[in-house]
Amino acid sequence: MGTGTATDGAGAASPGGRAAELIDQLPRGSWQERSFAFWAGRQLQATDRWWQPLSAAVLGATSAVVSAAVALGFRNVVVVDLHKLTDVLEAERTRPIITVSNHESGVDDPLLWGIMPWRLWTPDNTRWTMGAQELLYKTPPLNAFFALGQTIPTIRGAGIHQLAVEIGLHKLNHNKWVHVFPEGKINQGPGLLRFKWGVGRLVMEAERTPVVVPIFFSGLREVLPLRQPVPVPWLNPFKRELYVRVGDPIDLSAQVREWRAARSVLDSPEAAAQLDRRVRAAISERLRAAVDDLKTEFSCASAPPPEARARQPSQAPDPAKPA
């Protein structure tokens, strides 16, 4: 998009053309490269007559597996305020939807969506999500599976103008739901990482400003810890617990309108680029704060009550010392 921007309403410039240009530029030397380029093109439009039934089959099979995994693989599953997401999904779709969350493990998607009602496991109501291209799109069969499973190939570190973001914008401009892990990588540390600015660009440059729903979850880092010798998910119905909390939808329309108004009077590309960076950073940080608030609520809810903490000695008594 360069320094150009979409505007709300009819007549807005579509980023689909830019995504198609990037797909046309993909290498096609090997069978894997030709396969990847083919599925990227089909995924962008998703209008082929065969796309809907094949995508529905992949999503249906995936939903059955992950729903069973969540039901049978965890001792306890706590979901708080899921209606805040399902209400948005089932309302009349006049604007696109973005969900943002923390990123605990390599199985966050699809296991996280095992909490969703069966009625929403359809291509129109299933998320489009961004997944690491180097991990998922490795062979022609995997290219087909993940493309039909609505996973957009993303090159980590390639910036906010890469093909994945352009495809994400194209989906948003068709009122789809796009899920983003804005930390940009798996994070099993105590705090959230800085949110990457790509999510800010998605919010700012979609033709209709998306509704953003923040989500925090905990429990999947134990399923697939980093640096595990064998990277195989380990579900345990006697031990594992999954907690998911959905936050209030966030409407950033006013902030986006202010950005567009301020940008329209700037007379240099450099000034416009500086403004874009500031607003992307501000939106990304606001969304991070929303997820962090949900994390804080989880930490407070899972902490022992004050009286229990008061009864716990800070140090075990030394038997060698007299009482």
Protein backbone atom coordinates (compact mmCIF):
# COMPACT_ATOMS: atom_id res chain seq x y z
CA MET A 1 0.00 0.00 0.00
CA GLY A 2 2.91 2.33 0.48
CA THR A 3 1.67 5.51 2.11
CA GLY A 4 -1.78 5.19 0.59
CA THR A 5 -4.71 4.25 2.75
CA ALA A 6 -8.18 2.82 2.44
CA THR A 7 -11.20 4.78 3.52
CA ASP A 8 -14.47 3.72 5.04
CA GLY A 9 -17.36 3.02 2.73
CA ALA A 10 -17.77 2.50 -0.96
CA GLY A 11 -15.03 3.44 -3.36
CA ALA A 12 -12.20 2.48 -1.00
CA ALA A 13 -9.06 1.09 -2.54
CA SER A 14 -8.76 -2.63 -2.05
CA PRO A 15 -5.47 -4.26 -0.96
CA GLY A 16 -6.45 -7.43 -2.86
CA GLY A 17 -4.64 -6.10 -5.91
CA ARG A 18 -1.39 -5.72 -3.96
CA ALA A 19 -1.72 -9.27 -2.58
CA ALA A 20 -2.28 -10.59 -6.11
CA GLU A 21 0.84 -8.74 -7.29
CA LEU A 22 2.92 -10.32 -4.55
CA ILE A 23 1.56 -13.77 -5.40
CA ASP A 24 2.45 -13.21 -9.07
CA GLN A 25 6.02 -12.50 -7.95
CA LEU A 26 6.39 -15.76 -6.01
CA PRO A 27 9.05 -18.16 -7.36
CA ARG A 28 7.78 -21.19 -9.28
CA GLY A 29 10.96 -23.14 -9.95
CA SER A 30 10.29 -26.26 -7.88
CA TRP A 31 7.16 -28.33 -7.40
CA GLN A 32 6.89 -27.05 -3.82
CA GLU A 33 7.16 -23.43 -4.99
CA ARG A 34 4.51 -23.94 -7.67
CA SER A 35 2.23 -25.63 -5.16
CA PHE A 36 2.68 -22.83 -2.63
CA ALA A 37 1.96 -20.13 -5.22
CA PHE A 38 -1.14 -22.00 -6.41
CA TRP A 39 -2.63 -22.35 -2.93
CA ALA A 40 -1.75 -18.76 -2.00
CA GLY A 41 -3.70 -17.56 -5.03
CA ARG A 42 -6.67 -19.81 -4.33
CA GLN A 43 -6.65 -18.79 -0.67
CA LEU A 44 -6.66 -15.09 -1.53
CA GLN A 45 -9.90 -15.25 -3.46
CA ALA A 46 -11.49 -18.43 -2.00
CA THR A 47 -14.16 -18.24 -4.71
CA ASP A 48 -13.50 -21.43 -6.68
CA ARG A 49 -16.52 -23.71 -6.83
CA TRP A 50 -14.57 -26.49 -5.12
CA TRP A 51 -13.12 -24.27 -2.40
CA GLN A 52 -16.12 -24.10 -0.07
CA PRO A 53 -16.80 -27.87 0.20
CA LEU A 54 -13.10 -28.74 0.57
CA SER A 55 -12.51 -25.99 3.12
CA ALA A 56 -15.64 -27.04 5.02
CA ALA A 57 -14.38 -30.64 5.08
CA VAL A 58 -10.97 -29.64 6.46
CA LEU A 59 -12.50 -27.30 9.03
CA GLY A 60 -15.11 -29.88 10.02
CA ALA A 61 -12.53 -32.60 10.57
CA THR A 62 -10.31 -30.19 12.47
CA SER A 63 -13.19 -29.05 14.68
CA ALA A 64 -14.03 -32.64 15.58
CA VAL A 65 -10.44 -33.40 16.55
CA VAL A 66 -9.80 -30.25 18.57
CA SER A 67 -13.19 -30.35 20.31
CA ALA A 68 -12.47 -33.93 21.39
CA ALA A 69 -8.95 -32.96 22.46
CA VAL A 70 -10.26 -30.14 24.64
CA ALA A 71 -13.07 -32.29 26.09
CA LEU A 72 -10.90 -35.33 26.80
CA GLY A 73 -7.40 -33.94 27.20
CA PHE A 74 -7.89 -31.50 30.07
CA ARG A 75 -8.91 -32.10 33.66
CA ASN A 76 -10.64 -28.76 33.79
CA VAL A 77 -11.63 -26.18 31.15
CA VAL A 78 -12.73 -22.73 32.28
CA VAL A 79 -14.11 -20.34 29.65
CA VAL A 80 -15.16 -16.88 30.77
CA ASP A 81 -17.34 -14.55 28.68
CA LEU A 82 -17.19 -16.50 25.42
CA HIS A 83 -20.45 -14.79 24.47
CA LYS A 84 -18.51 -11.58 23.92
CA LEU A 85 -16.99 -13.24 20.87
CA THR A 86 -19.89 -15.40 19.71
CA ASP A 87 -22.31 -12.45 19.91
CA VAL A 88 -20.06 -10.48 17.56
CA LEU A 89 -19.69 -13.43 15.19
CA GLU A 90 -23.42 -14.15 15.04
CA ALA A 91 -24.58 -10.55 14.74
CA GLU A 92 -25.27 -9.06 11.32
CA ARG A 93 -21.78 -8.68 9.86
CA THR A 94 -21.43 -5.02 8.90
CA ARG A 95 -17.77 -4.83 9.89
CA PRO A 96 -14.89 -7.30 9.95
CA ILE A 97 -13.60 -8.88 13.14
CA ILE A 98 -10.08 -9.17 14.52
CA THR A 99 -9.24 -11.24 17.58
CA VAL A 100 -5.89 -10.84 19.34
CA SER A 101 -4.39 -13.06 22.02
CA ASN A 102 -1.22 -14.18 23.72
CA HIS A 103 0.77 -17.03 22.15
CA GLU A 104 1.77 -19.87 24.50
CA SER A 105 2.63 -22.80 22.25
CA GLY A 106 2.71 -24.27 18.78
CA VAL A 107 -0.74 -25.81 19.30
CA ASP A 108 -2.58 -22.65 20.40
CA ASP A 109 -4.30 -22.73 17.04
CA PRO A 110 -6.33 -24.92 16.63
CA LEU A 111 -6.68 -26.13 20.26
CA LEU A 112 -7.84 -22.69 21.42
CA TRP A 113 -10.86 -22.91 19.13
CA GLY A 114 -11.98 -26.22 20.62
CA ILE A 115 -14.07 -24.09 22.95
CA MET A 116 -16.20 -22.73 20.09
CA PRO A 117 -19.78 -23.99 19.59
CA TRP A 118 -20.20 -26.46 16.73
CA ARG A 119 -22.62 -24.17 14.93
CA LEU A 120 -19.78 -21.70 14.27
CA TRP A 121 -17.45 -24.22 12.63
CA THR A 122 -18.26 -23.11 9.08
CA PRO A 123 -15.97 -21.37 6.57
CA ASP A 124 -17.84 -18.08 6.97
CA ASN A 125 -17.63 -18.12 10.78
CA THR A 126 -14.19 -19.67 11.22
CA ARG A 127 -11.17 -17.50 11.79
CA TRP A 128 -8.51 -16.77 9.23
CA THR A 129 -5.25 -16.87 11.12
CA MET A 130 -1.60 -16.18 10.44
CA GLY A 131 0.78 -19.13 10.82
CA ALA A 132 4.53 -19.46 10.38
CA GLN A 133 5.18 -20.33 6.73
CA GLU A 134 8.47 -22.10 7.42
CA LEU A 135 6.78 -24.47 9.91
CA LEU A 136 3.45 -25.15 8.22
CA TYR A 137 3.85 -24.77 4.46
CA LYS A 138 6.63 -27.31 3.99
CA THR A 139 5.23 -29.75 1.40
CA PRO A 140 2.49 -29.67 -1.26
CA PRO A 141 0.03 -31.70 0.89
CA LEU A 142 0.61 -29.37 3.84
CA ASN A 143 0.17 -26.36 1.55
CA ALA A 144 -3.29 -27.66 0.62
CA PHE A 145 -4.29 -28.56 4.19
CA PHE A 146 -3.33 -25.26 5.81
CA ALA A 147 -4.65 -23.14 2.94
CA LEU A 148 -8.03 -24.88 3.10
CA GLY A 149 -7.84 -24.61 6.90
CA GLN A 150 -7.74 -20.81 6.52
CA THR A 151 -4.19 -20.37 7.82
CA ILE A 152 -2.36 -17.53 6.09
CA PRO A 153 1.37 -18.21 5.50
CA THR A 154 3.42 -15.65 7.40
CA ILE A 155 7.16 -15.03 7.28
CA ARG A 156 8.24 -13.95 10.74
CA GLY A 157 10.38 -10.83 10.62
CA ALA A 158 9.34 -9.91 7.05
CA GLY A 159 7.55 -6.76 8.16
CA ILE A 160 4.05 -5.33 7.96
CA HIS A 161 3.87 -5.09 4.15
CA GLN A 162 4.41 -8.78 3.44
CA LEU A 163 1.95 -11.04 1.62
CA ALA A 164 0.34 -12.35 4.82
CA VAL A 165 -0.76 -8.88 5.93
CA GLU A 166 -2.06 -8.09 2.43
CA ILE A 167 -4.13 -11.29 2.44
CA GLY A 168 -5.34 -10.44 5.95
CA LEU A 169 -6.48 -7.02 4.74
CA HIS A 170 -8.23 -8.62 1.79
CA LYS A 171 -10.14 -10.92 4.14
CA LEU A 172 -11.07 -8.02 6.42
CA ASN A 173 -12.34 -6.07 3.44
CA HIS A 174 -14.72 -8.97 2.84
CA ASN A 175 -15.96 -8.79 6.46
CA LYS A 176 -14.14 -11.93 7.56
CA TRP A 177 -12.74 -12.81 10.98
CA VAL A 178 -8.94 -12.69 11.25
CA HIS A 179 -7.11 -13.91 14.35
CA VAL A 180 -3.64 -12.58 15.11
CA PHE A 181 -0.98 -13.58 17.64
CA PRO A 182 0.60 -10.10 17.77
CA GLU A 183 3.54 -11.14 19.94
CA GLY A 184 4.89 -12.65 16.74
CA LYS A 185 6.34 -15.77 18.35
CA ILE A 186 5.68 -18.28 21.10
CA ASN A 187 6.14 -16.67 24.51
CA GLN A 188 6.20 -18.84 27.63
CA GLY A 189 7.66 -16.12 29.84
CA PRO A 190 5.83 -14.35 32.66
CA GLY A 191 4.83 -11.23 30.73
CA LEU A 192 3.48 -10.35 27.29
CA LEU A 193 5.90 -9.30 24.59
CA ARG A 194 5.49 -6.08 22.64
CA PHE A 195 2.74 -6.44 20.04
CA LYS A 196 4.01 -6.22 16.47
CA TRP A 197 2.72 -3.36 14.38
CA GLY A 198 1.12 -5.56 11.73
CA VAL A 199 -2.05 -5.74 13.80
CA GLY A 200 -2.09 -1.94 13.91
CA ARG A 201 -1.90 -1.83 10.13
CA LEU A 202 -4.78 -4.30 9.81
CA VAL A 203 -6.96 -2.12 12.03
CA MET A 204 -5.98 1.13 10.33
CA GLU A 205 -6.11 0.14 6.66
CA ALA A 206 -9.13 -2.14 6.48
CA GLU A 207 -11.89 -0.47 4.46
CA ARG A 208 -14.26 -0.72 7.44
CA THR A 209 -12.56 -0.46 10.82
CA PRO A 210 -12.72 -3.91 12.42
CA VAL A 211 -14.22 -4.75 15.78
CA VAL A 212 -11.34 -6.09 17.89
CA VAL A 213 -11.94 -8.75 20.55
CA PRO A 214 -9.07 -9.44 22.99
CA ILE A 215 -8.52 -12.96 24.37
CA PHE A 216 -6.22 -14.33 27.05
CA PHE A 217 -5.67 -18.02 27.69
CA SER A 218 -3.46 -20.13 29.92
CA GLY A 219 -2.64 -23.82 30.04
CA LEU A 220 -1.29 -24.61 26.59
CA ARG A 221 2.35 -23.99 27.43
CA GLU A 222 2.20 -27.16 29.54
CA VAL A 223 0.79 -29.07 26.58
CA LEU A 224 3.77 -28.24 24.36
CA PRO A 225 6.67 -26.64 26.26
CA LEU A 226 9.45 -24.96 24.33
CA ARG A 227 12.66 -26.95 23.94
CA GLN A 228 10.80 -30.19 24.56
CA PRO A 229 13.01 -33.04 23.24
CA VAL A 230 10.16 -34.44 21.14
CA PRO A 231 7.75 -31.67 20.01
CA VAL A 232 4.57 -33.68 20.55
CA PRO A 233 1.53 -32.20 22.38
CA TRP A 234 1.04 -33.88 25.75
CA LEU A 235 -2.59 -33.83 26.87
CA ASN A 236 -3.40 -35.20 30.32
CA PRO A 237 -7.04 -35.47 31.45
CA PHE A 238 -5.85 -35.95 35.04
CA LYS A 239 -3.63 -32.88 35.21
CA ARG A 240 -3.97 -30.32 32.41
CA GLU A 241 -6.13 -27.23 32.87
CA LEU A 242 -7.18 -24.69 30.24
CA TYR A 243 -8.37 -21.18 31.03
CA VAL A 244 -9.76 -18.82 28.39
CA ARG A 245 -11.12 -15.33 29.03
CA VAL A 246 -12.66 -13.12 26.34
CA GLY A 247 -12.63 -9.35 26.78
CA ASP A 248 -15.02 -6.62 25.73
CA PRO A 249 -15.01 -5.76 22.01
CA ILE A 250 -12.92 -2.68 21.23
CA ASP A 251 -14.07 -0.07 18.74
CA LEU A 252 -11.15 1.89 17.29
CA SER A 253 -13.20 3.75 14.67
CA ALA A 254 -12.72 7.18 16.27
CA GLN A 255 -8.95 6.78 16.46
CA VAL A 256 -8.78 5.59 12.86
CA ARG A 257 -10.92 8.54 11.67
CA GLU A 258 -8.63 10.97 13.49
CA TRP A 259 -5.60 9.36 11.86
CA ARG A 260 -7.13 9.61 8.39
CA ALA A 261 -8.14 13.23 8.93
CA ALA A 262 -4.65 14.17 10.17
CA ARG A 263 -3.03 12.28 7.31
CA SER A 264 -5.15 13.94 4.65
CA VAL A 265 -3.64 17.38 5.34
CA LEU A 266 0.01 16.28 5.38
CA ASP A 267 2.04 17.42 2.39
CA SER A 268 4.96 14.98 2.45
CA PRO A 269 5.28 11.20 2.34
CA GLU A 270 7.83 11.37 5.16
CA ALA A 271 5.40 13.12 7.51
CA ALA A 272 2.66 10.65 6.57
CA ALA A 273 4.98 7.70 7.24
CA GLN A 274 5.93 9.09 10.65
CA LEU A 275 2.27 9.56 11.56
CA ASP A 276 1.48 6.03 10.38
CA ARG A 277 4.20 4.58 12.60
CA ARG A 278 3.00 6.50 15.66
CA VAL A 279 -0.60 5.43 15.23
CA ARG A 280 0.31 1.79 14.48
CA ALA A 281 2.39 1.71 17.64
CA ALA A 282 -0.39 3.31 19.71
CA ILE A 283 -3.06 0.91 18.47
CA SER A 284 -0.82 -2.12 18.94
CA GLU A 285 0.01 -1.03 22.48
CA ARG A 286 -3.66 -0.42 23.29
CA LEU A 287 -4.51 -3.96 22.18
CA ARG A 288 -1.61 -5.36 24.19
CA ALA A 289 -2.90 -3.53 27.27
CA ALA A 290 -6.35 -5.08 26.73
CA VAL A 291 -4.91 -8.62 26.63
CA ASP A 292 -2.67 -7.82 29.60
CA ASP A 293 -5.70 -6.68 31.62
CA LEU A 294 -7.30 -10.08 30.97
CA LYS A 295 -4.06 -11.74 32.07
CA THR A 296 -4.11 -9.70 35.29
CA GLU A 297 -7.70 -10.76 35.95
CA PHE A 298 -6.65 -14.39 35.52
CA SER A 299 -3.68 -13.95 37.86
CA CYS A 300 -5.89 -12.37 40.53
CA ALA A 301 -8.55 -15.07 40.17
CA SER A 302 -6.03 -17.91 40.42
CA ALA A 303 -4.08 -16.48 43.37
CA PRO A 304 -4.86 -17.89 46.84
CA PRO A 305 -7.03 -15.65 49.05
CA PRO A 306 -5.19 -13.26 51.42
CA GLU A 307 -6.03 -15.32 54.50
CA ALA A 308 -4.56 -18.43 52.86
CA ARG A 309 -1.41 -16.57 51.95
CA ALA A 310 -1.15 -15.26 55.52
CA ARG A 311 -1.23 -18.81 56.86
CA GLN A 312 1.63 -19.87 54.59
CA PRO A 313 5.04 -19.34 56.32
CA SER A 314 7.55 -17.52 54.17
CA GLN A 315 10.29 -19.85 55.35
CA ALA A 316 10.20 -23.33 56.80
CA PRO A 317 11.29 -23.44 60.48
CA ASP A 318 14.81 -24.64 61.20
CA PRO A 319 14.57 -27.75 63.44
CA ALA A 320 18.02 -27.03 64.81
CA LYS A 321 16.82 -23.78 66.40
CA PRO A 322 14.71 -23.73 69.55
CA ALA A 323 11.18 -22.41 69.22
